[in-house]
Amino acid sequence: MTLDAAQYTKKFQYIFVDANHEVSYVKKDTENSLKMLADSPSCIIWHDYGNREFPQLTQYLDDLASDMTLYHIEGTMLVFHLKGVEVPVRKP
């Protein structure tokens, strides 16, 4: 909650968000991650999506998906955002 992300602006290509499951912490981690994410290609992954123990975390990520493209990896509790990369859509 006290990290100064400014010193890491656009420094990381990969960020994994998983620690404290309170929404306030996930929001802060997400805000910091978006600042620290390199221009492209880069990726943020969040853990515990769909975890029944943390429904508010899943709701936060669902809400976030209205502002940015998020992908759920089927069969996992992982959701990711890619910056500067097109994800091919598989057709049946």
C-alpha atoms as a PDB file:
ATOM      1  CA  MET A   1       0.000   0.000   0.000  1.00  0.00           C
ATOM      2  CA  THR A   2       2.984   2.327   0.393  1.00  0.00           C
ATOM      3  CA  LEU A   3       5.044   1.446  -2.687  1.00  0.00           C
ATOM      4  CA  ASP A   4       6.081   4.448  -4.759  1.00  0.00           C
ATOM      5  CA  ALA A   5       5.558   3.010  -8.241  1.00  0.00           C
ATOM      6  CA  ALA A   6       6.983   6.127  -9.904  1.00  0.00           C
ATOM      7  CA  GLN A   7      10.522   4.809  -9.579  1.00  0.00           C
ATOM      8  CA  TYR A   8       9.478   1.726 -11.575  1.00  0.00           C
ATOM      9  CA  THR A   9       7.438   3.425 -14.316  1.00  0.00           C
ATOM     10  CA  LYS A  10       7.342   1.213 -17.427  1.00  0.00           C
ATOM     11  CA  LYS A  11      10.136  -1.051 -16.094  1.00  0.00           C
ATOM     12  CA  PHE A  12       8.458  -4.480 -16.123  1.00  0.00           C
ATOM     13  CA  GLN A  13       7.242  -6.768 -18.871  1.00  0.00           C
ATOM     14  CA  TYR A  14       5.609  -9.245 -16.481  1.00  0.00           C
ATOM     15  CA  ILE A  15       3.793  -8.595 -13.209  1.00  0.00           C
ATOM     16  CA  PHE A  16       2.027 -11.243 -11.106  1.00  0.00           C
ATOM     17  CA  VAL A  17      -0.557  -9.959  -8.609  1.00  0.00           C
ATOM     18  CA  ASP A  18      -1.172 -12.409  -5.758  1.00  0.00           C
ATOM     19  CA  ALA A  19      -0.803 -11.744  -2.071  1.00  0.00           C
ATOM     20  CA  ASN A  20      -3.336  -9.909   0.024  1.00  0.00           C
ATOM     21  CA  HIS A  21      -6.853 -10.709  -1.197  1.00  0.00           C
ATOM     22  CA  GLU A  22      -8.624  -7.639   0.166  1.00  0.00           C
ATOM     23  CA  VAL A  23      -9.992  -5.602  -2.711  1.00  0.00           C
ATOM     24  CA  SER A  24      -8.338  -2.374  -1.526  1.00  0.00           C
ATOM     25  CA  TYR A  25      -4.935  -4.057  -1.805  1.00  0.00           C
ATOM     26  CA  VAL A  26      -5.710  -5.634  -5.176  1.00  0.00           C
ATOM     27  CA  LYS A  27      -6.852  -2.252  -6.494  1.00  0.00           C
ATOM     28  CA  LYS A  28      -3.653  -0.591  -5.269  1.00  0.00           C
ATOM     29  CA  ASP A  29      -1.511  -3.412  -6.669  1.00  0.00           C
ATOM     30  CA  THR A  30      -3.358  -3.082  -9.985  1.00  0.00           C
ATOM     31  CA  GLU A  31      -2.896   0.702 -10.110  1.00  0.00           C
ATOM     32  CA  ASN A  32       0.804   0.292  -9.389  1.00  0.00           C
ATOM     33  CA  SER A  33       1.128  -2.551 -11.890  1.00  0.00           C
ATOM     34  CA  LEU A  34      -0.407  -0.485 -14.664  1.00  0.00           C
ATOM     35  CA  LYS A  35       2.114   2.288 -13.990  1.00  0.00           C
ATOM     36  CA  MET A  36       5.037  -0.144 -13.909  1.00  0.00           C
ATOM     37  CA  LEU A  37       4.027  -2.120 -17.009  1.00  0.00           C
ATOM     38  CA  ALA A  38       6.370  -1.627 -19.977  1.00  0.00           C
ATOM     39  CA  ASP A  39       4.928  -0.250 -23.193  1.00  0.00           C
ATOM     40  CA  SER A  40       4.895  -3.572 -25.034  1.00  0.00           C
ATOM     41  CA  PRO A  41       4.862  -6.422 -25.114  1.00  0.00           C
ATOM     42  CA  SER A  42       3.974  -6.845 -21.462  1.00  0.00           C
ATOM     43  CA  CYS A  43       1.574  -8.725 -19.197  1.00  0.00           C
ATOM     44  CA  ILE A  44      -0.148  -8.516 -15.817  1.00  0.00           C
ATOM     45  CA  ILE A  45      -1.559 -11.711 -14.314  1.00  0.00           C
ATOM     46  CA  TRP A  46      -3.927 -11.799 -11.344  1.00  0.00           C
ATOM     47  CA  HIS A  47      -4.449 -14.936  -9.251  1.00  0.00           C
ATOM     48  CA  ASP A  48      -7.566 -16.194  -7.434  1.00  0.00           C
ATOM     49  CA  TYR A  49     -10.122 -15.197 -10.060  1.00  0.00           C
ATOM     50  CA  GLY A  50     -13.217 -17.284  -9.381  1.00  0.00           C
ATOM     51  CA  ASN A  51     -11.966 -18.365  -5.955  1.00  0.00           C
ATOM     52  CA  ARG A  52     -15.087 -18.838  -3.824  1.00  0.00           C
ATOM     53  CA  GLU A  53     -13.193 -17.593  -0.781  1.00  0.00           C
ATOM     54  CA  PHE A  54     -12.661 -14.180  -2.423  1.00  0.00           C
ATOM     55  CA  PRO A  55     -15.800 -13.296  -4.422  1.00  0.00           C
ATOM     56  CA  GLN A  56     -15.087  -9.567  -4.099  1.00  0.00           C
ATOM     57  CA  LEU A  57     -11.764 -10.060  -5.902  1.00  0.00           C
ATOM     58  CA  THR A  58     -13.539 -11.761  -8.800  1.00  0.00           C
ATOM     59  CA  GLN A  59     -16.105  -8.947  -8.912  1.00  0.00           C
ATOM     60  CA  TYR A  60     -13.340  -6.336  -8.978  1.00  0.00           C
ATOM     61  CA  LEU A  61     -11.669  -8.055 -11.935  1.00  0.00           C
ATOM     62  CA  ASP A  62     -15.013  -8.405 -13.724  1.00  0.00           C
ATOM     63  CA  ASP A  63     -15.556  -4.661 -13.226  1.00  0.00           C
ATOM     64  CA  LEU A  64     -12.014  -3.913 -14.404  1.00  0.00           C
ATOM     65  CA  ALA A  65     -12.730  -5.867 -17.594  1.00  0.00           C
ATOM     66  CA  SER A  66     -15.171  -3.140 -18.633  1.00  0.00           C
ATOM     67  CA  ASP A  67     -12.212  -0.707 -18.828  1.00  0.00           C
ATOM     68  CA  MET A  68      -9.508  -2.970 -20.250  1.00  0.00           C
ATOM     69  CA  THR A  69      -9.247  -6.337 -21.970  1.00  0.00           C
ATOM     70  CA  LEU A  70      -8.806  -9.215 -19.552  1.00  0.00           C
ATOM     71  CA  TYR A  71      -8.619 -12.893 -20.403  1.00  0.00           C
ATOM     72  CA  HIS A  72      -9.483 -15.766 -18.090  1.00  0.00           C
ATOM     73  CA  ILE A  73      -7.418 -18.914 -18.594  1.00  0.00           C
ATOM     74  CA  GLU A  74     -10.061 -21.626 -18.584  1.00  0.00           C
ATOM     75  CA  GLY A  75      -9.689 -24.180 -15.804  1.00  0.00           C
ATOM     76  CA  THR A  76      -7.489 -21.875 -13.705  1.00  0.00           C
ATOM     77  CA  MET A  77      -7.847 -18.993 -11.272  1.00  0.00           C
ATOM     78  CA  LEU A  78      -5.724 -16.786 -13.535  1.00  0.00           C
ATOM     79  CA  VAL A  79      -6.783 -13.655 -15.419  1.00  0.00           C
ATOM     80  CA  PHE A  80      -4.358 -11.676 -17.544  1.00  0.00           C
ATOM     81  CA  HIS A  81      -4.015  -8.437 -19.471  1.00  0.00           C
ATOM     82  CA  LEU A  82      -1.660  -8.110 -22.422  1.00  0.00           C
ATOM     83  CA  LYS A  83      -0.283  -4.785 -23.554  1.00  0.00           C
ATOM     84  CA  GLY A  84       0.937  -4.439 -27.103  1.00  0.00           C
ATOM     85  CA  VAL A  85       0.013  -7.989 -28.100  1.00  0.00           C
ATOM     86  CA  GLU A  86      -2.940  -9.215 -30.123  1.00  0.00           C
ATOM     87  CA  VAL A  87      -4.511 -12.407 -28.800  1.00  0.00           C
ATOM     88  CA  PRO A  88      -5.848 -14.564 -31.617  1.00  0.00           C
ATOM     89  CA  VAL A  89      -9.460 -15.585 -31.185  1.00  0.00           C
ATOM     90  CA  ARG A  90     -10.008 -19.290 -31.711  1.00  0.00           C
ATOM     91  CA  LYS A  91     -13.011 -20.186 -33.771  1.00  0.00           C
ATOM     92  CA  PRO A  92     -14.745 -23.542 -33.363  1.00  0.00           C
END
